[in-house]
């Protein structure tokens, strides 16, 4: 049975991710803002224990400006993009969820990469923070990666160890009716 609640990729939204992050960092921290690198994509691997259907995909805005964001879902084995919002102008006020309607998509149980990319350094989105003990190796062990020159999100991901930003993208998948 497909889940009826929204899925958010945070340390508290995905138990498998939380377990890896706690193993690597010792504790989870609240969401925080990070200075972005233009055209950079951040990826976080998640595990869905059951199928999940979504019709909207989104993120949390922090500072809103005339800048674009793209969020998406990739198959973690083939690295092929399954669905994304496409380049979308940030809108709304600070600290608000922004979503984009997409074709209804069902993800079978399994592993996926959630991705967020932005075209500028000037606006920010909200990310799950990581403690100061975070390192590139710890982020890789927690299955968090980055890709440069990745805006809009490419058809095939090419994730590498995080070096530009150590952070976890917050990507929101909303089921039908939300």
Protein backbone atom coordinates (compact mmCIF):
# COMPACT_ATOMS: atom_id res chain seq x y z
CA UNK A 1 0.00 0.00 0.00
CA UNK A 2 1.37 3.41 -0.96
CA UNK A 3 2.01 5.86 1.84
CA UNK A 4 -0.41 8.76 2.32
CA UNK A 5 1.90 11.06 4.27
CA UNK A 6 4.44 13.48 2.81
CA UNK A 7 8.03 12.31 2.62
CA UNK A 8 10.78 14.74 3.56
CA UNK A 9 14.46 13.84 3.32
CA UNK A 10 15.71 14.91 6.70
CA UNK A 11 17.49 13.09 9.46
CA UNK A 12 14.12 12.55 11.12
CA UNK A 13 12.19 11.77 7.91
CA UNK A 14 14.08 8.66 6.82
CA UNK A 15 15.04 6.16 9.50
CA UNK A 16 17.69 4.43 7.38
CA UNK A 17 19.27 7.79 6.66
CA UNK A 18 19.00 8.81 10.32
CA UNK A 19 20.74 5.63 11.43
CA UNK A 20 23.66 6.23 9.02
CA UNK A 21 23.94 9.91 9.99
CA UNK A 22 23.89 9.15 13.72
CA UNK A 23 26.56 6.51 13.19
CA UNK A 24 28.76 9.01 11.33
CA UNK A 25 28.15 12.17 13.35
CA UNK A 26 27.02 11.01 16.79
CA UNK A 27 23.96 13.27 16.75
CA UNK A 28 21.51 14.92 14.42
CA UNK A 29 21.11 18.69 14.23
CA UNK A 30 18.29 20.98 13.23
CA UNK A 31 17.90 22.45 9.76
CA UNK A 32 20.33 25.22 8.90
CA UNK A 33 21.25 27.44 6.01
CA UNK A 34 24.38 26.99 3.94
CA UNK A 35 26.07 29.29 1.48
CA UNK A 36 25.43 27.76 -1.91
CA UNK A 37 27.71 27.22 -4.89
CA UNK A 38 26.01 28.12 -8.19
CA UNK A 39 24.97 25.15 -10.38
CA UNK A 40 25.85 22.64 -7.63
CA UNK A 41 23.58 19.66 -6.92
CA UNK A 42 23.47 17.97 -3.51
CA UNK A 43 22.32 14.35 -3.29
CA UNK A 44 21.19 12.24 -0.33
CA UNK A 45 20.49 8.54 -0.62
CA UNK A 46 17.30 7.29 0.99
CA UNK A 47 15.68 3.91 1.41
CA UNK A 48 11.91 3.50 0.99
CA UNK A 49 10.67 0.35 2.78
CA UNK A 50 7.45 0.39 0.73
CA UNK A 51 6.21 1.94 -2.48
CA UNK A 52 5.43 5.65 -2.42
CA UNK A 53 3.37 7.68 -4.90
CA UNK A 54 3.86 11.43 -5.26
CA UNK A 55 2.28 14.13 -7.41
CA UNK A 56 4.21 17.15 -6.10
CA UNK A 57 7.88 17.69 -5.41
CA UNK A 58 9.31 20.60 -3.48
CA UNK A 59 11.72 22.21 -1.05
CA UNK A 60 11.79 24.76 1.77
CA UNK A 61 12.69 28.34 0.84
CA UNK A 62 14.80 30.42 3.14
CA UNK A 63 15.86 33.61 1.35
CA UNK A 64 13.70 34.08 -1.73
CA UNK A 65 14.98 35.95 -4.76
CA UNK A 66 14.63 35.83 -8.52
CA UNK A 67 16.60 32.60 -8.69
CA UNK A 68 15.85 29.05 -9.83
CA UNK A 69 15.90 25.71 -8.04
CA UNK A 70 15.49 22.17 -9.36
CA UNK A 71 14.71 19.15 -7.17
CA UNK A 72 14.46 15.54 -8.24
CA UNK A 73 14.62 11.82 -7.59
CA UNK A 74 17.17 9.41 -9.09
CA UNK A 75 17.51 5.64 -9.15
CA UNK A 76 20.52 5.13 -6.83
CA UNK A 77 21.76 2.10 -8.79
CA UNK A 78 21.50 3.36 -12.38
CA UNK A 79 21.80 7.09 -11.47
CA UNK A 80 19.02 7.86 -13.98
CA UNK A 81 16.64 10.69 -13.15
CA UNK A 82 13.13 9.44 -12.43
CA UNK A 83 11.36 12.78 -11.96
CA UNK A 84 12.27 16.41 -11.30
CA UNK A 85 10.57 19.76 -10.96
CA UNK A 86 12.70 21.30 -13.69
CA UNK A 87 14.15 24.79 -13.35
CA UNK A 88 11.65 26.63 -11.13
CA UNK A 89 11.68 30.25 -9.99
CA UNK A 90 11.71 30.56 -6.20
CA UNK A 91 8.49 32.19 -5.01
CA UNK A 92 6.68 32.88 -1.76
CA UNK A 93 8.06 34.12 1.50
CA UNK A 94 10.97 32.98 3.60
CA UNK A 95 10.64 29.72 5.56
CA UNK A 96 7.86 28.38 3.34
CA UNK A 97 7.45 25.16 1.42
CA UNK A 98 7.36 25.55 -2.36
CA UNK A 99 6.07 22.68 -4.49
CA UNK A 100 5.69 21.89 -8.18
CA UNK A 101 3.05 19.53 -9.58
CA UNK A 102 4.54 16.60 -11.50
CA UNK A 103 3.15 13.56 -13.29
CA UNK A 104 2.04 10.99 -10.70
CA UNK A 105 5.09 8.86 -9.95
CA UNK A 106 5.25 5.65 -7.92
CA UNK A 107 8.60 4.66 -6.48
CA UNK A 108 8.79 0.96 -5.59
CA UNK A 109 10.50 0.03 -2.33
CA UNK A 110 14.23 0.57 -2.70
CA UNK A 111 17.08 3.08 -2.69
CA UNK A 112 16.93 6.50 -4.32
CA UNK A 113 18.93 9.71 -4.49
CA UNK A 114 17.07 12.90 -3.69
CA UNK A 115 18.68 15.94 -5.32
CA UNK A 116 18.53 19.72 -5.05
CA UNK A 117 20.36 22.18 -7.34
CA UNK A 118 20.33 25.95 -7.59
CA UNK A 119 21.52 28.34 -10.32
CA UNK A 120 23.00 31.02 -8.06
CA UNK A 121 24.80 31.73 -4.80
CA UNK A 122 22.40 34.53 -3.85
CA UNK A 123 19.26 32.77 -2.62
CA UNK A 124 19.07 29.95 -0.11
CA UNK A 125 16.98 26.91 0.57
CA UNK A 126 16.81 25.12 3.91
CA UNK A 127 19.02 22.07 4.45
CA UNK A 128 19.46 19.57 7.24
CA UNK A 129 22.42 20.77 9.17
CA UNK A 130 25.40 18.65 10.00
CA UNK A 131 27.59 19.04 13.07
CA UNK A 132 31.00 20.65 12.91
CA UNK A 133 32.53 17.16 13.09
CA UNK A 134 31.26 16.48 9.54
CA UNK A 135 33.95 15.65 7.01
CA UNK A 136 33.90 14.65 3.34
CA UNK A 137 34.46 11.01 4.35
CA UNK A 138 31.66 11.10 6.92
CA UNK A 139 29.26 12.65 4.40
CA UNK A 140 30.11 9.91 1.87
CA UNK A 141 29.55 7.25 4.54
CA UNK A 142 26.18 8.86 5.25
CA UNK A 143 25.47 8.58 1.47
CA UNK A 144 25.49 12.35 0.79
CA UNK A 145 27.14 13.56 -2.40
CA UNK A 146 27.47 16.55 -4.74
CA UNK A 147 27.84 17.27 -8.45
CA UNK A 148 29.15 20.46 -10.05
CA UNK A 149 27.70 21.95 -13.25
CA UNK A 150 24.42 20.21 -12.50
CA UNK A 151 21.76 22.86 -13.03
CA UNK A 152 19.18 22.02 -14.12
CA UNK A 153 19.46 18.48 -12.78
CA UNK A 154 20.98 16.22 -15.46
CA UNK A 155 19.34 13.07 -16.88
CA UNK A 156 22.14 10.98 -15.37
CA UNK A 157 23.63 11.88 -12.00
CA UNK A 158 27.40 11.81 -11.50
CA UNK A 159 27.66 12.17 -7.73
CA UNK A 160 31.05 12.52 -6.02
CA UNK A 161 32.15 13.14 -2.45
CA UNK A 162 30.97 16.44 -1.02
CA UNK A 163 33.70 19.07 -0.91
CA UNK A 164 31.93 22.33 -1.84
CA UNK A 165 29.23 22.15 0.84
CA UNK A 166 28.72 19.62 3.61
CA UNK A 167 24.94 19.46 3.81
CA UNK A 168 21.84 17.37 3.26
CA UNK A 169 19.20 18.57 0.78
CA UNK A 170 15.62 18.80 2.01
CA UNK A 171 13.45 17.45 -0.79
CA UNK A 172 9.69 17.06 -0.24
CA UNK A 173 7.58 14.45 -2.04
CA UNK A 174 3.82 14.96 -1.60
CA UNK A 175 1.23 12.22 -2.25
CA UNK A 176 -1.97 12.75 -4.24
CA UNK A 177 -4.40 15.07 -2.47
CA UNK A 178 -1.82 17.31 -0.78
